[in-house]
Amino acid sequence: MVTYFYLLLWSIFITINANAEQSKIMKIFLGGDAMLGRGIDQILVHPSSPEIYESYVKDARAYVAMAESSNGMIPKKAPDSYIWGDALLEWEKQKPMLKILNLETSVTRNNDYWKGKGINYRMNPENIGVLKTVPNLVLALANNHVMDWGMAGLLETLEVLTKSGIPFSGAGENLSQAMAPAIYNLNIHQRILYFSMGLESSGIPGPWRADKNRSGIYLLTDLSRKSLLEVKEVIDHYKRPGDLVIVGLHWGSNWGYEVPKSHQDFAHALIDEVGVHLIHGHSSHHPRPIEIYKKVPILYGCGDFINDYEGIGGSESFRDDLAAMYFVKFNTETFKSEGVEIVPMQIKKFKLFYAKKNDVSWMMETLARESKKMGTNFKRIDDQRFSAF
């Protein structure tokens, strides 16, 4: 009887400690570009006027037709949750504290597009429910599409997101606002700060740069020491003891796996000198290498999370139909990363589906090959996911 009593006490002790250890773990989701304009906007309940001003395509509905010719009919007036598909199931399973995406579109009714840019994305503000469907969402706005419909389009985007209660960073009515982070309160002592910034190498026009008297985005001039010290000054201005800091960078080309040395050096300096805990790179249309530097994950390019590229040929070898969900675990006491879990998805009919087993293998093998020189290891978890460490 006494032995049983002590065994029971021991069992309770182990359970309490296990729960305490579990409570120290925080999970954050990151995805790449959410390209909700153009073709995707056309299948939603309130499509924008379909006129676009590209070299070969003048009607956004053409992208719907191309996708349907590849994979079959797409619902019209699709509900707000439609495009997220199986991502909703994965978010419910993983229960991340925060979800971060790069919103690669303007949210506006404005018809005055940015002349000479070539591609112009916009989503009707009445379709904002698509983003509101995703709880605890934070958006990066320092990218090459948020001002596709001019200054008026940007200001309406900021107004719509603010009224909808969706935090964002990277754009504002002036430089100070564009530099400000999105802030998520974990508890009375700890916060998550998300800073969004971009580079012209991703296709962001120079005139989009905000200044003290002009609306725009937080656009870095380059990746020099001067830029690093500027970013440090901005982060130090907002950072308090106990804050977890994430920096989002819209940088680099759309295609290819090569990570420029300047990107790697800048990322390392953000960690070593600024104290950043996670780097969220985007701009590429497919996932780029992952580096774990001093237990800090650097996602050099998260790829598109949702796009309207179905049926467009020319880059099939990069598999831009495959998207990646990144889940990063942190110890809430040390803010050290406990690894990155990647769940591949496939974009089909403008909707996210779990990737097939062989496609999961392809993505893991590709990232392992391209990340090897950075010392990153990969391990298969099950048929649907793998980890980087």
Foldseek 3Di string as FASTA:
>chain_A
DVVVVVVVVVVVVVVVVVVVQVVLKAKEKEFEEDQCFQQNLQQAQDRAQQADDAPPDGGSVVLLVLQCVFFHHFHHNDDLQFAAFCVVVVCVVVVHPAYEYEYQAFADNAPQFDPPLRGATYHHLVSCSNVVVDPRYEYEHAAAHRQRRHPVSNVVRVVSCVVSVHHYEFWDQAQLRNQAWGWADPDPQEIETEHEEEECQLVHDPVQDGHHRGTHGHYQDFLDPVSLVVNLVSCVVPDDPLYAYEYEYEHHYQDDQDDDPSNVVSVVCCCVPRVHQEYHYARHQAFYAWAQDPQGIHRNHQHHQFDSCRNPDDPVVRPSQKGKMWMWMARSVPSGTPWIKIFIWGQHSSHTHQDFQVVQVVVQVVNCVSHVVNVWDKADDDSGIIIID
